[in-house]
């Protein structure tokens, strides 16, 4: 096993897209022979994964695990819905979620360095094996959150949307499970950007008021009103913004006579305790990831002209 230069490592990294330490090892194992090092990486599944890593992974699975007082919401992306629904991917996602529960990693990179739950490989090694040797698609562990406390979760449509809810209450987790799930389902359905009005940034409210005042200026009936009257009307209209964009102020889907906060308070009173919704995180599969739209007719036409 000979020494290799930094230049050789960089060249192999550039040609394969594989990380520095793996390239260094490949070159050392093959006495600096570049072709053999590439073959070595391909055999390990590393080069295959690297070549696929530039392809958009916008499908996949969102999953939630609540184990006692620890809960995890996790998104893992694949290139195709078909791959996302295979047992191999589903089992991998479950194992990764359990790893987060058990190890409490700081972020995705720290997670990849942990030994995967129920196995002997690291999460990164298991990911490479899955993507490069079994699924042969780009697979990405995109994001996760981990909470501790009284928790509830909801997964919609087999993993297209997931929500994790944290509650502050003296009641038991079993007592409030259905309430927490209802809040999670509300979030899944209506996707409020904020939990409560206190979370709405001042600049967002200022912009909303600016838009409302501009709309009134364009309305002849409103434009003729005194400025202080228009300002008061604008304040009132901001209340509608809260009711549409703050989860706890939305009309409760199951009973629109109540807000979500009103529902939680009413249920807490029935149980003889108090319940406060403190955190809600919602993941929607592939949100924000640009998908490549392929036109089959154009692709066929290109092939016919070659």
Protein backbone atom coordinates (compact mmCIF):
# COMPACT_ATOMS: atom_id res chain seq x y z
CA UNK A 1 0.00 0.00 0.00
CA UNK A 2 1.90 3.07 -1.29
CA UNK A 3 1.59 6.75 -0.57
CA UNK A 4 -0.48 8.91 -2.91
CA UNK A 5 -0.25 12.60 -3.70
CA UNK A 6 -2.83 15.29 -3.09
CA UNK A 7 -2.97 15.90 -6.85
CA UNK A 8 -3.87 12.24 -7.49
CA UNK A 9 -6.59 12.35 -4.87
CA UNK A 10 -8.03 15.54 -6.40
CA UNK A 11 -7.98 14.01 -9.87
CA UNK A 12 -9.87 10.93 -8.68
CA UNK A 13 -12.36 13.08 -6.76
CA UNK A 14 -12.99 15.16 -9.89
CA UNK A 15 -13.48 12.15 -12.16
CA UNK A 16 -15.77 10.21 -9.80
CA UNK A 17 -17.38 12.78 -7.52
CA UNK A 18 -16.48 10.60 -4.53
CA UNK A 19 -15.25 12.08 -1.23
CA UNK A 20 -11.61 12.68 -0.35
CA UNK A 21 -11.07 9.90 2.19
CA UNK A 22 -12.67 7.25 -0.02
CA UNK A 23 -10.53 8.37 -2.99
CA UNK A 24 -7.39 8.30 -0.85
CA UNK A 25 -8.17 4.77 0.30
CA UNK A 26 -8.94 3.60 -3.26
CA UNK A 27 -5.62 4.91 -4.55
CA UNK A 28 -3.66 3.46 -1.65
CA UNK A 29 -5.31 0.07 -2.09
CA UNK A 30 -4.35 0.08 -5.77
CA UNK A 31 -0.83 1.57 -5.57
CA UNK A 32 -1.89 4.81 -7.23
CA UNK A 33 -3.36 3.17 -10.36
CA UNK A 34 -6.15 5.56 -11.37
CA UNK A 35 -8.14 3.09 -13.47
CA UNK A 36 -8.02 0.41 -10.80
CA UNK A 37 -9.00 2.98 -8.16
CA UNK A 38 -12.07 3.96 -10.20
CA UNK A 39 -12.98 0.28 -10.60
CA UNK A 40 -12.45 -0.19 -6.86
CA UNK A 41 -14.86 2.67 -6.11
CA UNK A 42 -17.41 1.34 -8.58
CA UNK A 43 -17.26 -2.08 -6.97
CA UNK A 44 -17.95 -0.44 -3.60
CA UNK A 45 -20.93 1.35 -5.11
CA UNK A 46 -19.39 4.76 -4.40
CA UNK A 47 -18.78 5.88 -7.98
CA UNK A 48 -22.27 4.76 -9.03
CA UNK A 49 -23.82 6.86 -6.29
CA UNK A 50 -21.65 9.86 -7.19
CA UNK A 51 -22.66 9.80 -10.86
CA UNK A 52 -26.31 9.75 -9.87
CA UNK A 53 -26.00 12.45 -7.20
CA UNK A 54 -26.51 15.27 -9.70
CA UNK A 55 -29.98 14.00 -10.61
CA UNK A 56 -32.92 15.59 -8.84
CA UNK A 57 -34.35 13.49 -6.02
CA UNK A 58 -37.77 15.03 -5.49
CA UNK A 59 -39.84 11.95 -4.67
CA UNK A 60 -39.36 9.86 -1.54
CA UNK A 61 -40.80 9.37 1.91
CA UNK A 62 -41.67 11.52 4.90
CA UNK A 63 -41.94 9.45 8.06
CA UNK A 64 -42.57 10.09 11.75
CA UNK A 65 -41.56 7.98 14.73
CA UNK A 66 -42.67 8.62 18.30
CA UNK A 67 -40.98 6.38 20.85
CA UNK A 68 -41.99 7.28 24.39
CA UNK A 69 -41.07 10.92 24.90
CA UNK A 70 -38.84 11.15 21.80
CA UNK A 71 -40.17 11.87 18.33
CA UNK A 72 -38.61 12.28 14.90
CA UNK A 73 -39.88 13.67 11.61
CA UNK A 74 -37.67 12.69 8.65
CA UNK A 75 -37.61 13.21 4.88
CA UNK A 76 -35.60 10.96 2.56
CA UNK A 77 -35.78 11.68 -1.17
CA UNK A 78 -35.48 9.39 -4.19
CA UNK A 79 -35.65 10.08 -7.92
CA UNK A 80 -38.81 8.04 -8.50
CA UNK A 81 -41.96 7.22 -6.62
CA UNK A 82 -41.43 3.57 -7.57
CA UNK A 83 -38.13 3.44 -5.65
CA UNK A 84 -39.67 5.24 -2.66
CA UNK A 85 -42.25 2.49 -2.30
CA UNK A 86 -39.82 -0.43 -2.32
CA UNK A 87 -39.26 -2.38 0.89
CA UNK A 88 -35.53 -1.60 0.72
CA UNK A 89 -36.10 2.15 0.84
CA UNK A 90 -38.90 1.97 3.40
CA UNK A 91 -36.76 -0.22 5.70
CA UNK A 92 -33.80 2.14 5.30
CA UNK A 93 -35.95 5.19 6.17
CA UNK A 94 -37.30 3.42 9.25
CA UNK A 95 -33.79 2.47 10.39
CA UNK A 96 -32.54 6.05 9.87
CA UNK A 97 -35.46 7.44 11.89
CA UNK A 98 -34.70 5.03 14.73
CA UNK A 99 -31.03 6.04 14.57
CA UNK A 100 -32.05 9.67 15.11
CA UNK A 101 -34.22 8.65 18.07
CA UNK A 102 -31.37 6.67 19.64
CA UNK A 103 -28.33 8.85 18.82
CA UNK A 104 -29.70 12.42 18.70
CA UNK A 105 -27.32 13.65 15.95
CA UNK A 106 -26.87 17.39 15.50
CA UNK A 107 -27.55 17.43 11.75
CA UNK A 108 -27.64 15.26 8.62
CA UNK A 109 -23.84 15.07 8.33
CA UNK A 110 -23.53 13.93 11.95
CA UNK A 111 -26.32 11.43 11.34
CA UNK A 112 -24.43 9.89 8.41
CA UNK A 113 -21.47 9.18 10.67
CA UNK A 114 -23.58 7.24 13.19
CA UNK A 115 -23.95 3.45 13.10
CA UNK A 116 -27.38 2.76 11.65
CA UNK A 117 -29.97 1.33 14.04
CA UNK A 118 -30.01 -2.46 13.92
CA UNK A 119 -26.90 -2.68 11.74
CA UNK A 120 -23.12 -2.51 11.76
CA UNK A 121 -22.52 0.02 8.95
CA UNK A 122 -22.71 3.77 9.29
CA UNK A 123 -25.77 5.51 7.88
CA UNK A 124 -23.59 6.86 5.05
CA UNK A 125 -22.35 3.36 4.18
CA UNK A 126 -25.88 1.96 4.25
CA UNK A 127 -27.04 4.82 2.03
CA UNK A 128 -24.26 4.20 -0.50
CA UNK A 129 -25.02 0.48 -0.63
CA UNK A 130 -28.74 1.10 -1.06
CA UNK A 131 -28.36 3.78 -3.75
CA UNK A 132 -25.46 2.29 -5.66
CA UNK A 133 -26.07 -1.43 -5.53
CA UNK A 134 -29.77 -2.01 -4.94
CA UNK A 135 -31.96 0.92 -6.02
CA UNK A 136 -29.50 2.54 -8.45
CA UNK A 137 -31.00 5.98 -7.96
CA UNK A 138 -29.86 9.11 -6.23
CA UNK A 139 -31.10 8.91 -2.62
CA UNK A 140 -30.81 11.87 -0.27
CA UNK A 141 -31.38 12.17 3.47
CA UNK A 142 -32.73 15.69 3.25
CA UNK A 143 -33.80 16.85 6.72
CA UNK A 144 -35.13 15.85 10.12
CA UNK A 145 -36.30 17.26 13.44
CA UNK A 146 -36.17 15.53 16.80
CA UNK A 147 -38.31 16.59 19.78
CA UNK A 148 -38.54 15.38 23.35
CA UNK A 149 -41.71 15.70 25.43
CA UNK A 150 -45.39 14.94 24.93
CA UNK A 151 -45.66 14.35 21.19
CA UNK A 152 -48.10 13.43 18.44
CA UNK A 153 -47.63 12.86 14.73
CA UNK A 154 -49.53 12.36 11.50
CA UNK A 155 -48.42 10.96 8.13
CA UNK A 156 -50.60 11.65 5.10
CA UNK A 157 -50.98 9.47 2.03
CA UNK A 158 -48.22 7.00 2.81
CA UNK A 159 -45.52 9.61 3.31
CA UNK A 160 -46.31 12.61 1.09
CA UNK A 161 -46.75 14.91 4.11
CA UNK A 162 -45.70 14.46 7.73
CA UNK A 163 -46.30 16.56 10.83
CA UNK A 164 -44.80 16.35 14.32
CA UNK A 165 -46.50 18.21 17.19
CA UNK A 166 -45.14 18.98 20.65
CA UNK A 167 -47.51 19.70 23.54
CA UNK A 168 -46.89 21.26 26.94
CA UNK A 169 -49.28 19.58 29.36
CA UNK A 170 -49.50 17.87 32.73
CA UNK A 171 -51.80 15.27 31.16
CA UNK A 172 -50.43 11.94 29.93
CA UNK A 173 -49.41 11.31 26.32
CA UNK A 174 -52.23 8.79 25.96
CA UNK A 175 -54.81 11.33 27.14
CA UNK A 176 -53.79 13.96 24.60
CA UNK A 177 -52.80 11.69 21.69
CA UNK A 178 -56.02 12.25 19.71
CA UNK A 179 -55.88 16.02 20.29
CA UNK A 180 -52.28 16.19 19.11
CA UNK A 181 -53.12 14.13 16.03
CA UNK A 182 -56.03 16.46 15.19
CA UNK A 183 -53.68 19.45 15.35
CA UNK A 184 -51.19 17.59 13.15
CA UNK A 185 -53.91 16.75 10.61
CA UNK A 186 -54.98 20.40 10.54
CA UNK A 187 -51.40 21.41 9.76
CA UNK A 188 -51.11 18.75 7.06
CA UNK A 189 -54.33 19.91 5.41
CA UNK A 190 -53.98 23.70 5.53
CA UNK A 191 -50.22 24.29 5.86
CA UNK A 192 -50.22 27.41 8.03
CA UNK A 193 -46.79 29.08 7.83
CA UNK A 194 -46.92 30.13 11.51
CA UNK A 195 -48.09 28.49 14.72
CA UNK A 196 -49.41 31.68 16.37
CA UNK A 197 -49.51 35.43 15.76
CA UNK A 198 -46.48 36.00 17.97
CA UNK A 199 -44.37 34.13 15.40
CA UNK A 200 -45.32 36.36 12.48
CA UNK A 201 -42.34 38.66 11.72
CA UNK A 202 -42.98 42.39 12.02
CA UNK A 203 -41.83 42.98 8.43
CA UNK A 204 -44.43 40.48 7.17
CA UNK A 205 -47.20 42.32 9.00
CA UNK A 206 -45.94 45.71 7.78
CA UNK A 207 -45.97 44.42 4.20
CA UNK A 208 -49.48 43.03 4.64
CA UNK A 209 -50.73 46.39 5.96
CA UNK A 210 -49.01 48.15 3.05
CA UNK A 211 -50.82 45.91 0.57
CA UNK A 212 -54.18 46.43 2.31
CA UNK A 213 -53.74 50.24 2.33
CA UNK A 214 -52.76 50.19 -1.36
CA UNK A 215 -55.88 48.17 -2.18
CA UNK A 216 -58.05 50.65 -0.30
CA UNK A 217 -56.40 53.55 -2.16
CA UNK A 218 -57.56 51.94 -5.41
CA UNK A 219 -61.13 51.61 -4.11
CA UNK A 220 -63.06 54.89 -4.62
CA UNK A 221 -65.27 54.20 -1.61
CA UNK A 222 -62.29 53.61 0.66
CA UNK A 223 -60.01 56.30 -0.81
CA UNK A 224 -62.42 59.02 0.28
CA UNK A 225 -62.28 57.96 3.93
CA UNK A 226 -59.95 59.75 6.38
CA UNK A 227 -56.48 58.27 6.77
CA UNK A 228 -57.01 57.25 10.41
CA UNK A 229 -60.20 55.40 9.44
CA UNK A 230 -58.40 53.53 6.68
CA UNK A 231 -55.60 52.64 9.10
CA UNK A 232 -58.14 51.22 11.54
CA UNK A 233 -59.80 49.19 8.80
CA UNK A 234 -56.38 47.89 7.75
CA UNK A 235 -55.72 46.73 11.33
CA UNK A 236 -59.00 44.84 11.25
CA UNK A 237 -58.09 43.17 7.97
CA UNK A 238 -54.80 41.99 9.49
CA UNK A 239 -56.92 39.84 11.81
CA UNK A 240 -58.02 37.89 8.75
CA UNK A 241 -54.36 37.35 7.88
CA UNK A 242 -53.82 35.76 11.30
CA UNK A 243 -56.85 33.51 10.90
CA UNK A 244 -55.56 32.23 7.57
CA UNK A 245 -51.84 31.97 8.32
CA UNK A 246 -51.56 31.07 12.02
CA UNK A 247 -52.41 27.45 12.80
CA UNK A 248 -53.94 28.10 16.22
CA UNK A 249 -56.19 30.85 14.84
CA UNK A 250 -57.47 28.89 11.86
CA UNK A 251 -61.00 27.52 11.85
CA UNK A 252 -60.82 23.94 13.08
CA UNK A 253 -61.44 21.60 10.14
CA UNK A 254 -63.61 19.19 12.14
CA UNK A 255 -65.75 21.96 13.67
CA UNK A 256 -65.56 25.36 11.98
CA UNK A 257 -67.37 26.99 14.90
CA UNK A 258 -64.08 26.70 16.81
CA UNK A 259 -60.56 27.84 16.13
CA UNK A 260 -57.81 25.24 16.56
CA UNK A 261 -56.89 26.95 19.85
CA UNK A 262 -60.52 26.86 20.92
CA UNK A 263 -60.69 23.14 20.16
CA UNK A 264 -57.52 22.42 22.17
CA UNK A 265 -58.77 24.48 25.12
CA UNK A 266 -62.20 22.79 25.08
CA UNK A 267 -60.66 19.31 25.04
CA UNK A 268 -58.21 20.23 27.82
CA UNK A 269 -61.11 21.43 29.98
CA UNK A 270 -62.94 18.13 29.45
CA UNK A 271 -59.83 16.29 30.65
CA UNK A 272 -59.37 18.55 33.65
CA UNK A 273 -55.99 19.94 32.63
CA UNK A 274 -54.23 22.38 30.34
CA UNK A 275 -52.69 21.82 26.92
CA UNK A 276 -50.43 24.21 25.04
CA UNK A 277 -49.25 23.52 21.49
CA UNK A 278 -45.61 24.65 21.56
CA UNK A 279 -44.12 23.36 18.32
CA UNK A 280 -45.43 22.08 15.01
CA UNK A 281 -43.17 21.01 12.12
CA UNK A 282 -44.59 20.03 8.74
CA UNK A 283 -42.57 18.36 5.95
CA UNK A 284 -44.03 17.96 2.48
CA UNK A 285 -42.17 15.54 0.26
CA UNK A 286 -39.98 17.30 -2.30
CA UNK A 287 -41.16 20.83 -1.45
CA UNK A 288 -38.70 23.37 -2.81
CA UNK A 289 -36.84 20.83 -4.95
CA UNK A 290 -36.87 21.67 -8.63
CA UNK A 291 -38.04 18.72 -10.70
CA UNK A 292 -36.80 18.18 -14.22
CA UNK A 293 -39.75 17.96 -16.58
CA UNK A 294 -38.96 15.63 -19.47
CA UNK A 295 -40.93 15.86 -22.71
CA UNK A 296 -41.15 12.32 -24.06
CA UNK A 297 -42.04 13.42 -27.59
CA UNK A 298 -39.02 15.73 -27.77
CA UNK A 299 -36.73 13.00 -26.45
CA UNK A 300 -37.96 10.52 -29.07
CA UNK A 301 -37.55 13.12 -31.82
CA UNK A 302 -33.96 13.76 -30.78
CA UNK A 303 -33.21 10.04 -30.85
CA UNK A 304 -34.73 9.67 -34.34
CA UNK A 305 -32.51 12.41 -35.79
CA UNK A 306 -29.28 10.87 -34.46
